Amino acid sequence: MAGGTALLAARPAYAADYDPTTPGPQSRTADHHYDRVVHDAARQRDIPVQIRHSARRMGMPVILFSHGLGGSRHGSEYLERWWTARGYVTVFLQHPGSDDAVWRNTPPGERMAALRAAATPAQLYQRMRDVVAVLDALALWQAADTPRPLTATMDLGRIGLAGHSFGALTTQAVAGQRVPPIFPGAWPEPRIKAALILSPSSPAFAAAADAFGAVSIPWMLMTGTHDNSFLGQKTDRLAVYPALPPGQKYELVLDQAEHAAFGDAALPGDRLPRNPNHHRAIESLSAAFWDSTIGRSPAATAWLDSDLARDVLGPADRWQRK
């Protein structure tokens, strides 16, 4: 594949100044944070959320993020900072029952068993319903015009959902994967307009083509050549992309990237050194994806579809689209 110089001639004129590798102008404004708790009365369940935005513009798109097993709403801060600086309202969820409380007060020798015990279909379903409850809460807050200035900044017609690991499973199930009847509800959730899936997995209950063949919204998948489950479970992360129908579907496979490459810090059991360019690639491609989909930027779409995305990747990283 030719390099970026050879591809410049194919770049549409309106994409000439598009650059997802740098923060947006919003990065020069003060951050606004909201730590809130969404109460789902139907389940008597409290869902902590961390909300952040940099600007006070009207109608910014919204990105929800679902953490991995044993994580929290405070994880993946590098993505929260980047997306906020690019002009998005970020809403990072914390899922009780599969968050850091599972292991934090557990003796070290028992932590892995506690995490495995929390990685259940029942917990996945609770996570799916958490996403719906938070979406409902955002709509109620906007209708009540509280808290200010959050309500004016959100465009709830342009919402994306992202997640890593167990959060990736959550995102898949909410955003278009066919789910079994044990997960009752109106799936996929129609308010989600695009999905970013970090460390995807093909389900055990169905063939990949059956599980993902009806996905109708844009999906971007990201994984690594060494992206194994830290629980030791076998999962095929590369089976998802081939099963997706064409139409704004993307896949990035980072060379020598382990499971923790998509988070802030290394995990116990990591064996490979962290590549600093991995986060740059994740930030840049995810920003272009959001800009193209919920940001509705033709320039971002042109950038993604012109192969200029390869300019931010390492020589052995794999990138494809359909």
Protein backbone atom coordinates (compact mmCIF):
# COMPACT_ATOMS: atom_id res chain seq x y z
CA MET A 1 0.00 0.00 0.00
CA ALA A 2 1.37 3.39 -0.91
CA GLY A 3 2.32 5.84 1.83
CA GLY A 4 0.58 9.05 2.81
CA THR A 5 2.41 11.18 0.20
CA ALA A 6 1.13 9.11 -2.69
CA LEU A 7 -2.39 9.23 -1.30
CA LEU A 8 -2.60 12.99 -0.91
CA ALA A 9 -3.80 13.42 -4.48
CA ALA A 10 -6.78 11.18 -3.72
CA ARG A 11 -7.77 13.15 -0.64
CA PRO A 12 -10.87 15.31 -1.19
CA ALA A 13 -10.20 19.03 -0.96
CA TYR A 14 -12.49 19.45 2.05
CA ALA A 15 -10.34 16.96 4.02
CA ALA A 16 -7.09 18.86 3.43
CA ASP A 17 -7.00 20.36 6.93
CA TYR A 18 -8.47 17.43 8.83
CA ASP A 19 -6.13 16.03 11.49
CA PRO A 20 -7.33 13.64 14.23
CA THR A 21 -3.83 13.32 15.72
CA THR A 22 -4.01 16.60 17.65
CA PRO A 23 -6.40 17.89 20.31
CA GLY A 24 -9.15 20.20 19.15
CA PRO A 25 -9.57 23.86 20.08
CA GLN A 26 -11.70 22.74 23.03
CA SER A 27 -8.53 21.54 24.75
CA ARG A 28 -7.69 25.16 25.51
CA THR A 29 -10.85 25.68 27.56
CA ALA A 30 -11.51 24.71 31.16
CA ASP A 31 -12.73 21.20 31.87
CA HIS A 32 -16.13 20.66 33.44
CA HIS A 33 -16.63 17.52 35.56
CA TYR A 34 -19.78 15.99 36.97
CA ASP A 35 -19.66 12.99 39.28
CA ARG A 36 -23.19 11.70 39.55
CA VAL A 37 -25.07 8.55 40.45
CA VAL A 38 -27.84 7.22 38.23
CA HIS A 39 -30.47 5.39 40.28
CA ASP A 40 -32.36 2.67 38.43
CA ALA A 41 -35.47 2.27 40.56
CA ALA A 42 -36.63 -0.84 38.72
CA ARG A 43 -33.52 -2.71 39.84
CA GLN A 44 -32.77 -0.68 42.99
CA ARG A 45 -29.32 -0.19 41.50
CA ASP A 46 -26.99 2.81 41.63
CA ILE A 47 -24.68 3.41 38.66
CA PRO A 48 -21.88 5.94 39.26
CA VAL A 49 -20.91 8.00 36.22
CA GLN A 50 -18.17 10.50 35.51
CA ILE A 51 -19.13 13.16 32.96
CA ARG A 52 -16.66 15.52 31.37
CA HIS A 53 -16.56 18.16 28.66
CA SER A 54 -14.15 20.95 27.80
CA ALA A 55 -16.25 23.53 25.99
CA ARG A 56 -19.62 25.09 26.65
CA ARG A 57 -20.81 24.86 23.08
CA MET A 58 -24.39 23.90 22.34
CA GLY A 59 -25.18 20.39 21.19
CA MET A 60 -21.96 18.39 21.45
CA PRO A 61 -22.12 14.65 20.64
CA VAL A 62 -21.97 12.25 23.58
CA ILE A 63 -19.74 9.19 24.10
CA LEU A 64 -20.57 6.57 26.74
CA PHE A 65 -17.79 4.24 27.92
CA SER A 66 -18.14 0.83 29.59
CA HIS A 67 -15.07 -0.34 31.55
CA GLY A 68 -13.58 -3.80 31.60
CA LEU A 69 -13.91 -6.43 34.32
CA GLY A 70 -12.58 -5.06 37.60
CA GLY A 71 -12.37 -1.50 36.31
CA SER A 72 -14.13 1.73 37.18
CA ARG A 73 -15.41 5.00 35.72
CA HIS A 74 -11.98 6.48 36.41
CA GLY A 75 -10.15 4.10 34.06
CA SER A 76 -9.07 4.77 30.46
CA GLU A 77 -8.44 8.41 31.30
CA TYR A 78 -6.28 8.85 28.22
CA LEU A 79 -9.35 8.26 26.05
CA GLU A 80 -11.55 10.43 28.23
CA ARG A 81 -9.08 13.32 27.96
CA TRP A 82 -8.61 12.89 24.21
CA TRP A 83 -12.28 12.67 23.30
CA THR A 84 -13.11 15.57 25.60
CA ALA A 85 -10.40 17.69 23.98
CA ARG A 86 -11.83 16.77 20.57
CA GLY A 87 -15.19 18.28 21.49
CA TYR A 88 -17.27 15.45 22.96
CA VAL A 89 -19.20 15.04 26.18
CA THR A 90 -17.85 11.85 27.75
CA VAL A 91 -19.89 9.71 30.14
CA PHE A 92 -17.84 6.96 31.79
CA LEU A 93 -19.98 4.34 33.55
CA GLN A 94 -19.16 2.17 36.53
CA HIS A 95 -20.91 -1.21 36.70
CA PRO A 96 -21.55 -2.52 40.23
CA GLY A 97 -20.87 -6.22 40.53
CA SER A 98 -18.10 -6.28 37.91
CA ASP A 99 -16.15 -3.17 38.90
CA ASP A 100 -13.04 -2.69 41.04
CA ALA A 101 -14.96 -3.56 44.21
CA VAL A 102 -14.76 -7.20 43.05
CA TRP A 103 -11.04 -7.37 43.81
CA ARG A 104 -10.05 -4.26 45.77
CA ASN A 105 -10.70 -5.66 49.27
CA THR A 106 -9.98 -9.27 48.34
CA PRO A 107 -6.72 -10.98 49.33
CA PRO A 108 -4.31 -11.09 46.37
CA GLY A 109 -4.42 -14.88 46.12
CA GLU A 110 -8.20 -14.83 45.76
CA ARG A 111 -8.59 -11.96 43.31
CA MET A 112 -8.49 -13.97 40.11
CA ALA A 113 -11.19 -16.31 41.35
CA ALA A 114 -13.33 -13.34 42.37
CA LEU A 115 -12.94 -11.78 38.92
CA ARG A 116 -13.86 -15.02 37.17
CA ALA A 117 -16.95 -15.29 39.38
CA ALA A 118 -18.02 -11.81 38.24
CA ALA A 119 -17.62 -12.53 34.51
CA THR A 120 -21.08 -14.02 34.05
CA PRO A 121 -23.99 -13.61 31.63
CA ALA A 122 -26.02 -12.21 34.52
CA GLN A 123 -23.48 -9.44 35.06
CA LEU A 124 -23.37 -8.75 31.32
CA TYR A 125 -27.12 -8.26 31.32
CA GLN A 126 -26.89 -5.88 34.27
CA ARG A 127 -24.28 -3.90 32.35
CA MET A 128 -26.53 -3.72 29.29
CA ARG A 129 -29.34 -2.37 31.42
CA ASP A 130 -26.92 0.11 33.02
CA VAL A 131 -26.35 1.65 29.59
CA VAL A 132 -30.09 2.04 29.06
CA ALA A 133 -30.55 3.52 32.54
CA VAL A 134 -27.82 6.10 31.93
CA LEU A 135 -29.29 7.04 28.55
CA ASP A 136 -32.66 7.51 30.24
CA ALA A 137 -31.06 9.65 32.95
CA LEU A 138 -29.32 11.90 30.42
CA ALA A 139 -32.66 12.53 28.74
CA LEU A 140 -34.33 13.32 32.07
CA TRP A 141 -31.52 15.68 33.08
CA GLN A 142 -31.78 17.49 29.78
CA ALA A 143 -35.55 17.84 30.10
CA ALA A 144 -35.15 19.21 33.63
CA ASP A 145 -32.26 21.46 32.56
CA THR A 146 -30.07 20.26 35.41
CA PRO A 147 -27.18 20.15 36.00
CA ARG A 148 -26.18 23.24 34.06
CA PRO A 149 -24.28 23.77 31.77
CA LEU A 150 -24.30 20.06 30.91
CA THR A 151 -27.84 19.98 29.58
CA ALA A 152 -27.19 22.59 26.89
CA THR A 153 -23.96 20.96 25.73
CA MET A 154 -25.42 17.50 24.97
CA ASP A 155 -26.88 16.44 21.64
CA LEU A 156 -28.70 13.24 22.60
CA GLY A 157 -29.42 12.51 18.96
CA ARG A 158 -25.71 11.82 18.44
CA ILE A 159 -24.55 9.20 20.95
CA GLY A 160 -21.71 6.72 20.62
CA LEU A 161 -20.89 3.76 22.88
CA ALA A 162 -17.42 2.37 23.55
CA GLY A 163 -16.02 -0.31 25.81
CA HIS A 164 -12.99 -2.45 26.54
CA SER A 165 -12.96 -6.19 27.29
CA PHE A 166 -16.11 -6.89 29.36
CA GLY A 167 -17.10 -3.39 28.29
CA ALA A 168 -16.57 -4.47 24.68
CA LEU A 169 -18.99 -7.35 25.22
CA THR A 170 -21.41 -4.85 26.73
CA THR A 171 -21.05 -2.54 23.75
CA GLN A 172 -21.49 -5.37 21.24
CA ALA A 173 -24.65 -6.61 22.94
CA VAL A 174 -26.21 -3.15 23.21
CA ALA A 175 -25.18 -1.90 19.76
CA GLY A 176 -26.28 -4.59 17.33
CA GLN A 177 -25.00 -8.08 18.14
CA ARG A 178 -27.79 -10.63 18.22
CA VAL A 179 -28.33 -11.58 21.85
CA PRO A 180 -30.04 -14.70 23.21
CA PRO A 181 -33.51 -14.64 24.83
CA ILE A 182 -31.96 -14.75 28.30
CA PHE A 183 -31.29 -11.02 27.76
CA PRO A 184 -34.85 -9.64 27.40
CA GLY A 185 -35.25 -6.10 26.15
CA ALA A 186 -35.37 -3.93 23.04
CA TRP A 187 -31.95 -4.70 21.58
CA PRO A 188 -30.16 -3.13 19.87
CA GLU A 189 -30.58 0.14 21.74
CA PRO A 190 -31.69 2.62 19.04
CA ARG A 191 -30.16 5.67 20.71
CA ILE A 192 -26.65 4.35 20.05
CA LYS A 193 -25.52 5.59 16.62
CA ALA A 194 -21.93 4.21 16.50
CA ALA A 195 -19.81 1.76 18.52
CA LEU A 196 -16.09 1.51 19.29
CA ILE A 197 -15.15 -1.96 20.52
CA LEU A 198 -11.75 -2.48 22.17
CA SER A 199 -10.87 -6.18 22.43
CA PRO A 200 -13.99 -7.66 20.77
CA SER A 201 -15.11 -11.24 21.26
CA SER A 202 -17.13 -13.70 19.24
CA PRO A 203 -19.88 -15.26 21.38
CA ALA A 204 -19.95 -18.92 22.29
CA PHE A 205 -23.72 -19.28 21.83
CA ALA A 206 -23.83 -18.56 18.07
CA ALA A 207 -21.71 -18.50 14.95
CA ALA A 208 -20.11 -15.14 14.27
CA ALA A 209 -22.09 -14.65 11.05
CA ASP A 210 -25.35 -15.11 12.95
CA ALA A 211 -24.28 -12.93 15.85
CA PHE A 212 -22.98 -9.96 13.85
CA GLY A 213 -24.56 -10.22 10.41
CA ALA A 214 -27.34 -7.74 11.17
CA VAL A 215 -25.25 -4.93 12.71
CA SER A 216 -26.59 -1.79 11.04
CA ILE A 217 -24.63 1.06 12.64
CA PRO A 218 -20.93 1.95 12.23
CA TRP A 219 -18.55 -0.23 14.25
CA MET A 220 -14.82 0.16 14.78
CA LEU A 221 -12.97 -2.81 16.27
CA MET A 222 -9.53 -2.62 17.86
CA THR A 223 -7.42 -5.53 19.08
CA GLY A 224 -3.80 -6.67 19.17
CA THR A 225 -1.75 -9.63 18.06
CA HIS A 226 -1.31 -10.64 21.72
CA ASP A 227 -4.71 -9.49 22.99
CA ASN A 228 -5.49 -12.46 25.21
CA SER A 229 -7.95 -12.61 28.08
CA PHE A 230 -6.20 -11.97 31.38
CA LEU A 231 -8.56 -14.58 32.88
CA GLY A 232 -7.09 -17.23 30.61
CA GLN A 233 -10.31 -17.70 28.64
CA LYS A 234 -10.09 -18.48 24.94
CA THR A 235 -11.75 -15.95 22.66
CA ASP A 236 -11.48 -15.20 18.96
CA ARG A 237 -11.15 -11.45 18.62
CA LEU A 238 -10.51 -11.62 14.87
CA ALA A 239 -13.74 -13.46 14.05
CA VAL A 240 -15.97 -10.42 14.53
CA TYR A 241 -14.89 -8.16 11.66
CA PRO A 242 -15.36 -10.73 8.83
CA ALA A 243 -18.90 -11.38 10.08
CA LEU A 244 -19.96 -7.73 9.97
CA PRO A 245 -21.90 -6.46 6.97
CA PRO A 246 -20.19 -3.70 4.95
CA GLY A 247 -20.84 -0.05 5.61
CA GLN A 248 -18.59 1.98 7.94
CA LYS A 249 -17.01 -1.06 9.55
CA TYR A 250 -13.33 -0.82 10.54
CA GLU A 251 -10.72 -3.04 12.20
CA LEU A 252 -7.33 -2.19 13.70
CA VAL A 253 -4.94 -4.93 14.84
CA LEU A 254 -1.95 -3.50 16.69
CA ASP A 255 1.27 -5.46 16.35
CA GLN A 256 2.63 -6.81 19.65
CA ALA A 257 -0.24 -5.27 21.62
CA GLU A 258 -1.48 -7.12 24.68
CA HIS A 259 -4.87 -6.78 26.34
CA ALA A 260 -3.69 -3.93 28.56
CA ALA A 261 -2.54 -1.85 25.59
CA PHE A 262 -6.05 -0.40 25.38
CA GLY A 263 -6.04 0.73 29.00
CA ASP A 264 -4.04 3.21 31.02
CA ALA A 265 -1.58 0.83 32.62
CA ALA A 266 -0.09 -2.64 32.40
CA LEU A 267 -1.87 -5.65 33.89
CA PRO A 268 -0.40 -8.51 35.94
CA GLY A 269 0.91 -11.09 33.53
CA ASP A 270 1.86 -8.66 30.74
CA ARG A 271 5.01 -9.87 29.01
CA LEU A 272 5.65 -7.35 26.24
CA PRO A 273 6.86 -3.76 26.56
CA ARG A 274 4.21 -1.12 25.91
CA ASN A 275 4.53 0.66 22.58
CA PRO A 276 3.87 4.40 23.01
CA ASN A 277 2.56 4.63 19.44
CA HIS A 278 -0.32 2.29 20.28
CA HIS A 279 -2.13 4.95 22.29
CA ARG A 280 -1.48 7.52 19.55
CA ALA A 281 -3.06 5.17 17.00
CA ILE A 282 -6.02 4.38 19.26
CA GLU A 283 -6.63 8.06 19.99
CA SER A 284 -6.33 9.18 16.37
CA LEU A 285 -8.45 6.46 14.78
CA SER A 286 -11.12 6.62 17.46
CA ALA A 287 -11.31 10.42 17.10
CA ALA A 288 -11.72 10.12 13.33
CA PHE A 289 -14.38 7.45 13.82
CA TRP A 290 -16.41 9.60 16.21
CA ASP A 291 -15.94 12.67 14.01
CA SER A 292 -17.13 10.70 10.98
CA THR A 293 -20.16 9.10 12.64
CA ILE A 294 -21.69 11.05 15.51
CA GLY A 295 -19.69 14.16 14.56
CA ARG A 296 -21.02 13.95 10.99
CA SER A 297 -17.78 15.24 9.47
CA PRO A 298 -17.28 14.44 5.75
CA ALA A 299 -13.60 15.29 6.20
CA ALA A 300 -13.21 12.62 8.88
CA THR A 301 -14.94 10.05 6.69
CA ALA A 302 -12.64 10.94 3.82
CA TRP A 303 -9.61 10.57 6.09
CA LEU A 304 -10.69 7.13 7.27
CA ASP A 305 -11.54 5.93 3.77
CA SER A 306 -8.46 7.33 1.99
CA ASP A 307 -5.91 5.07 3.73
CA LEU A 308 -4.31 8.10 5.37
CA ALA A 309 -5.16 6.37 8.62
CA ARG A 310 -2.15 4.16 7.98
CA ASP A 311 0.13 7.15 8.53
CA VAL A 312 -0.43 6.91 12.31
CA LEU A 313 0.23 3.15 12.46
CA GLY A 314 3.34 1.07 12.88
CA PRO A 315 4.65 -0.87 9.88
CA ALA A 316 3.27 -4.20 11.11
CA ASP A 317 -0.10 -2.91 12.37
CA ARG A 318 -3.09 -4.08 10.33
CA TRP A 319 -5.92 -1.79 9.25
CA GLN A 320 -8.93 -2.60 7.09
CA ARG A 321 -12.38 -1.22 6.34
CA LYS A 322 -15.50 -2.14 4.42
